[in-house]
Amino acid sequence: MEAAVVSKDLKPAIVHLGAVPVSRFILGGNPFSGFSHRTVECDNEMVDWYTMERVKETYRLAQAADVTAHLGRADNFILRAMREHWNEGGRLTWIAQQCPEVGTLMHGVKNAIHGKAKCCFLHGGEMDQRVATGETREVFDAIKAIRDAGMPAGVAGHNVRTIRWAAENLELDFFMTSYYNPSDRTRQAQRDYNDQEHYLEEDREAMCSLIQKLPAPAIHYKVLAAARNDPKAAFEYVADAYRPGDAVCVGIFTKANPKMIQQDVNLLEAALRARGK
């Protein structure tokens, strides 16, 4: 089905992660930290571009497009960026991602709590590795700590085995479901830059099939395959897999296109509305 023709800017609908309302288009944070998932040169270009001021400018552009939430890493850079954003009158809701490079699972959760995040989830690479190796005991403690802090809790995963395990073993408020499983995370949680990434159609199909069976909202991510997919076609695919209450997370590189946020919102909303969603 073709997406509706966009004659004016569209506003993303509101969904809920637990009791927390967020726009169903969520601003991703990988470009802010230089995770292009393309080349080292692209990574460095993103790091050079995204100074603190440009990150905050991107937050303001998101708000202007009626995006209400940012999914960002619970590291010192994003903690500082969110604090400055709020101190300057910004209103974005922070969905915090525990990230392995800053320390243990619990350290990442504590960063989210102290940084006043509204939701928190465990990193996809971390979860992929722990599920693959059976080292999942600390996952239960981390999820409990998130919920004890009053935040909706989730986990991310790049492969269906991780998300299926989480659905069967954890009580969660949302799932972060990657459309692609680009690299082997069974050996280590963090990406190995010597590994070539692969974006396979069968991985996308498998994850979208699993999404239909999940007991809580899914945040669809890596839907553009790190800029490898045509945006219009990619968002139409998302619209077919989308369930009411789900959300979509997209990273934005304003150097490449200053209008990227509103354009992506328009494409997603047009595709969803064309399907009555």
Protein backbone atom coordinates (compact mmCIF):
# COMPACT_ATOMS: atom_id res chain seq x y z
CA MET A 1 0.00 0.00 0.00
CA GLU A 2 1.35 3.41 -0.89
CA ALA A 3 1.86 5.99 1.84
CA ALA A 4 -0.52 8.93 1.79
CA VAL A 5 0.72 12.05 0.05
CA VAL A 6 2.09 14.45 2.67
CA SER A 7 0.72 17.92 1.95
CA LYS A 8 1.68 19.36 5.33
CA ASP A 9 3.80 18.47 8.32
CA LEU A 10 2.30 15.70 10.45
CA LYS A 11 2.35 15.29 14.21
CA PRO A 12 3.28 11.90 15.69
CA ALA A 13 0.64 10.19 17.80
CA ILE A 14 1.22 9.55 21.50
CA VAL A 15 1.71 6.04 22.90
CA HIS A 16 2.65 4.78 26.37
CA LEU A 17 5.61 2.88 27.78
CA GLY A 18 4.10 1.72 31.02
CA ALA A 19 2.48 4.90 32.31
CA VAL A 20 4.90 7.22 30.49
CA PRO A 21 3.47 8.99 27.41
CA VAL A 22 5.85 9.37 24.46
CA SER A 23 5.50 10.26 20.80
CA ARG A 24 5.49 7.14 18.66
CA PHE A 25 8.37 8.66 16.69
CA ILE A 26 11.33 8.69 19.10
CA LEU A 27 14.61 10.53 18.50
CA GLY A 28 17.48 8.02 18.55
CA GLY A 29 20.93 8.77 19.95
CA ASN A 30 23.48 6.65 18.08
CA PRO A 31 24.70 9.50 15.83
CA PHE A 32 25.39 11.69 18.88
CA SER A 33 27.94 9.12 20.06
CA GLY A 34 29.40 8.40 16.65
CA PHE A 35 27.77 5.02 16.07
CA SER A 36 27.07 5.24 12.33
CA HIS A 37 27.12 1.47 11.76
CA ARG A 38 28.79 2.22 8.44
CA THR A 39 32.49 3.14 8.50
CA VAL A 40 35.02 4.51 10.97
CA GLU A 41 35.15 7.65 8.83
CA CYS A 42 31.38 8.10 9.24
CA ASP A 43 31.70 7.51 12.97
CA ASN A 44 34.32 10.24 13.25
CA GLU A 45 32.26 12.63 11.11
CA MET A 46 29.33 12.21 13.50
CA VAL A 47 31.48 12.76 16.58
CA ASP A 48 33.01 15.90 15.06
CA TRP A 49 29.60 17.24 14.06
CA TYR A 50 27.69 16.56 17.23
CA THR A 51 29.08 19.04 19.69
CA MET A 52 26.99 19.63 22.79
CA GLU A 53 25.38 22.66 21.15
CA ARG A 54 24.43 20.72 18.03
CA VAL A 55 22.95 17.90 20.10
CA LYS A 56 20.79 20.43 21.92
CA GLU A 57 19.85 22.04 18.62
CA THR A 58 18.70 18.62 17.41
CA TYR A 59 16.63 18.25 20.57
CA ARG A 60 14.95 21.56 19.74
CA LEU A 61 14.30 20.44 16.16
CA ALA A 62 12.70 17.27 17.52
CA GLN A 63 10.43 19.27 19.78
CA ALA A 64 9.47 21.52 16.86
CA ALA A 65 8.34 18.36 15.04
CA ASP A 66 6.23 17.36 18.08
CA VAL A 67 8.62 14.54 19.01
CA THR A 68 8.45 14.23 22.79
CA ALA A 69 11.07 11.59 23.62
CA HIS A 70 14.78 10.94 23.17
CA LEU A 71 16.33 7.50 23.47
CA GLY A 72 19.90 8.11 24.60
CA ARG A 73 22.76 6.30 26.24
CA ALA A 74 23.19 6.58 30.01
CA ASP A 75 26.72 7.94 29.64
CA ASN A 76 28.21 11.20 30.85
CA PHE A 77 27.76 13.01 27.52
CA ILE A 78 24.03 12.33 27.26
CA LEU A 79 23.49 12.93 30.99
CA ARG A 80 25.01 16.37 30.50
CA ALA A 81 23.11 17.03 27.26
CA MET A 82 19.75 16.18 28.82
CA ARG A 83 20.45 18.27 31.90
CA GLU A 84 21.37 21.31 29.81
CA HIS A 85 18.31 20.72 27.60
CA TRP A 86 16.00 20.72 30.61
CA ASN A 87 17.76 23.65 32.29
CA GLU A 88 17.23 25.66 29.11
CA GLY A 89 13.50 24.94 29.06
CA GLY A 90 13.49 21.74 26.99
CA ARG A 91 10.79 19.14 27.58
CA LEU A 92 12.00 15.91 25.97
CA THR A 93 11.39 12.71 27.93
CA TRP A 94 14.61 10.71 28.31
CA ILE A 95 14.45 6.96 27.67
CA ALA A 96 17.82 5.81 28.99
CA GLN A 97 19.87 3.01 27.48
CA GLN A 98 22.23 1.15 29.80
CA CYS A 99 25.49 0.87 27.87
CA PRO A 100 28.33 -1.56 28.56
CA GLU A 101 31.22 0.86 28.05
CA VAL A 102 30.34 2.83 31.20
CA GLY A 103 30.43 -0.18 33.54
CA THR A 104 28.17 -2.85 34.97
CA LEU A 105 24.47 -3.27 34.30
CA MET A 106 23.66 -1.74 37.66
CA HIS A 107 25.99 1.21 37.09
CA GLY A 108 24.14 2.04 33.89
CA VAL A 109 20.79 1.78 35.65
CA LYS A 110 22.00 4.07 38.44
CA ASN A 111 23.12 6.62 35.82
CA ALA A 112 19.59 6.57 34.42
CA ILE A 113 18.05 7.00 37.87
CA HIS A 114 20.35 9.83 38.93
CA GLY A 115 19.98 11.48 35.52
CA LYS A 116 16.19 11.61 35.93
CA ALA A 117 15.31 9.35 33.03
CA LYS A 118 11.65 8.38 32.76
CA CYS A 119 12.24 4.89 31.28
CA CYS A 120 15.26 2.60 31.12
CA PHE A 121 16.25 -0.47 29.12
CA LEU A 122 19.22 -2.82 28.85
CA HIS A 123 21.57 -2.55 25.86
CA GLY A 124 20.93 -4.87 22.90
CA GLY A 125 24.51 -6.09 22.56
CA GLU A 126 24.68 -6.73 26.30
CA MET A 127 21.47 -8.72 26.17
CA ASP A 128 22.52 -10.66 23.05
CA GLN A 129 25.74 -11.75 24.74
CA ARG A 130 24.17 -12.62 28.08
CA VAL A 131 21.38 -14.68 26.55
CA ALA A 132 23.84 -16.47 24.26
CA THR A 133 26.17 -17.35 27.15
CA GLY A 134 23.51 -17.97 29.80
CA GLU A 135 24.85 -15.17 32.03
CA THR A 136 21.45 -13.68 32.77
CA ARG A 137 21.28 -13.56 36.59
CA GLU A 138 22.23 -9.86 36.75
CA VAL A 139 19.56 -9.03 34.16
CA PHE A 140 16.82 -9.84 36.68
CA ASP A 141 18.45 -7.60 39.31
CA ALA A 142 18.81 -4.72 36.85
CA ILE A 143 15.18 -4.92 35.71
CA LYS A 144 14.06 -4.97 39.35
CA ALA A 145 16.17 -1.89 40.10
CA ILE A 146 14.62 -0.02 37.18
CA ARG A 147 11.11 -0.83 38.28
CA ASP A 148 11.87 -0.14 41.96
CA ALA A 149 12.92 3.35 40.84
CA GLY A 150 9.46 3.84 39.35
CA MET A 151 10.53 3.62 35.72
CA PRO A 152 9.09 1.40 32.98
CA ALA A 153 11.68 -1.28 32.18
CA GLY A 154 12.69 -2.83 28.88
CA VAL A 155 15.39 -4.76 27.10
CA ALA A 156 16.84 -4.49 23.60
CA GLY A 157 17.99 -7.22 21.29
CA HIS A 158 19.33 -7.61 17.78
CA ASN A 159 18.16 -11.17 17.28
CA VAL A 160 14.93 -12.99 17.91
CA ARG A 161 16.48 -15.40 20.40
CA THR A 162 17.22 -12.51 22.78
CA ILE A 163 13.76 -10.96 22.54
CA ARG A 164 12.02 -14.33 22.79
CA TRP A 165 14.01 -15.15 25.95
CA ALA A 166 13.11 -11.77 27.45
CA ALA A 167 9.40 -12.24 26.70
CA GLU A 168 9.43 -15.68 28.32
CA ASN A 169 11.48 -14.81 31.42
CA LEU A 170 11.03 -11.14 32.32
CA GLU A 171 8.14 -8.88 33.24
CA LEU A 172 8.72 -5.89 30.98
CA ASP A 173 6.95 -2.69 30.00
CA PHE A 174 8.47 -2.54 26.51
CA PHE A 175 10.87 -4.25 24.13
CA MET A 176 13.53 -2.64 21.90
CA THR A 177 13.39 -4.75 18.74
CA SER A 178 16.13 -4.33 16.14
CA TYR A 179 15.08 -5.04 12.58
CA TYR A 180 18.57 -6.35 11.84
CA ASN A 181 21.24 -8.44 13.56
CA PRO A 182 24.26 -6.87 11.86
CA SER A 183 27.16 -8.38 13.83
CA ASP A 184 28.02 -11.20 16.21
CA ARG A 185 27.46 -10.04 19.80
CA THR A 186 27.87 -13.47 21.39
CA ARG A 187 31.61 -12.91 22.03
CA GLN A 188 31.30 -9.39 23.44
CA ALA A 189 28.54 -6.90 24.12
CA GLN A 190 30.15 -4.03 22.23
CA ARG A 191 30.51 -3.90 18.47
CA ASP A 192 33.77 -5.26 17.04
CA TYR A 193 34.89 -2.66 14.49
CA ASN A 194 36.87 -5.33 12.62
CA ASP A 195 33.64 -7.17 11.79
CA GLN A 196 31.76 -6.29 8.62
CA GLU A 197 28.10 -5.66 9.35
CA HIS A 198 25.32 -7.47 7.51
CA TYR A 199 21.74 -6.28 7.08
CA LEU A 200 19.74 -9.31 5.98
CA GLU A 201 16.10 -9.37 4.91
CA GLU A 202 15.50 -12.65 6.74
CA ASP A 203 16.50 -11.00 10.03
CA ARG A 204 14.02 -8.17 9.49
CA GLU A 205 11.24 -10.61 8.62
CA ALA A 206 11.95 -12.78 11.67
CA MET A 207 11.94 -9.86 14.10
CA CYS A 208 8.78 -8.33 12.68
CA SER A 209 7.05 -11.70 12.93
CA LEU A 210 8.06 -11.99 16.59
CA ILE A 211 6.92 -8.42 17.33
CA GLN A 212 3.34 -9.48 16.60
CA LYS A 213 3.46 -11.92 19.55
CA LEU A 214 5.09 -9.72 22.20
CA PRO A 215 3.12 -9.02 25.39
CA ALA A 216 4.15 -5.34 25.65
CA PRO A 217 4.84 -2.46 23.24
CA ALA A 218 7.81 -2.75 20.91
CA ILE A 219 10.09 0.11 19.95
CA HIS A 220 11.12 -0.71 16.38
CA TYR A 221 14.72 0.34 15.71
CA LYS A 222 17.41 0.08 13.03
CA VAL A 223 14.48 0.34 10.64
CA LEU A 224 16.56 2.26 8.08
CA ALA A 225 19.47 -0.22 8.28
CA ALA A 226 21.83 2.65 9.17
CA ALA A 227 20.81 4.67 6.08
CA ARG A 228 21.02 1.67 3.74
CA ASN A 229 17.25 1.52 3.16
CA ASP A 230 15.19 4.01 1.18
CA PRO A 231 13.31 5.97 3.88
CA LYS A 232 9.88 5.92 2.22
CA ALA A 233 10.00 2.17 1.58
CA ALA A 234 11.45 1.52 5.05
CA PHE A 235 8.69 3.39 6.86
CA GLU A 236 6.05 1.64 4.78
CA TYR A 237 7.54 -1.67 5.93
CA VAL A 238 7.42 -0.41 9.51
CA ALA A 239 3.78 0.56 9.09
CA ASP A 240 2.89 -2.97 8.05
CA ALA A 241 4.64 -4.46 11.12
CA TYR A 242 3.49 -1.77 13.56
CA ARG A 243 0.92 -2.61 16.25
CA PRO A 244 -1.16 0.03 18.04
CA GLY A 245 0.91 1.21 21.02
CA ASP A 246 4.30 0.51 19.44
CA ALA A 247 6.89 3.21 18.75
CA VAL A 248 9.71 3.74 16.26
CA CYS A 249 13.21 5.00 17.09
CA VAL A 250 15.28 6.74 14.42
CA GLY A 251 18.74 8.30 14.66
CA ILE A 252 19.19 11.65 12.94
CA PHE A 253 22.29 13.18 11.31
CA THR A 254 21.49 16.85 10.80
CA LYS A 255 24.73 17.51 8.91
CA ALA A 256 23.42 15.32 6.10
CA ASN A 257 19.95 16.88 6.18
CA PRO A 258 18.83 19.61 8.62
CA LYS A 259 15.17 18.77 7.89
CA MET A 260 15.56 15.04 8.45
CA ILE A 261 13.48 14.82 11.64
CA GLN A 262 10.30 16.35 10.26
CA GLN A 263 10.68 14.52 6.96
CA ASP A 264 11.01 11.17 8.72
CA VAL A 265 8.06 11.94 10.99
CA ASN A 266 5.98 12.78 7.91
CA LEU A 267 6.95 9.55 6.15
CA LEU A 268 6.19 7.39 9.18
CA GLU A 269 2.90 9.07 10.04
CA ALA A 270 1.72 9.09 6.42
CA ALA A 271 2.43 5.36 6.09
CA LEU A 272 0.71 4.53 9.39
CA ARG A 273 -2.34 6.66 8.64
CA ALA A 274 -2.68 5.10 5.20
CA ARG A 275 -3.09 1.80 7.03
CA GLY A 276 -5.52 3.18 9.60
CA LYS A 277 -2.99 3.00 12.43
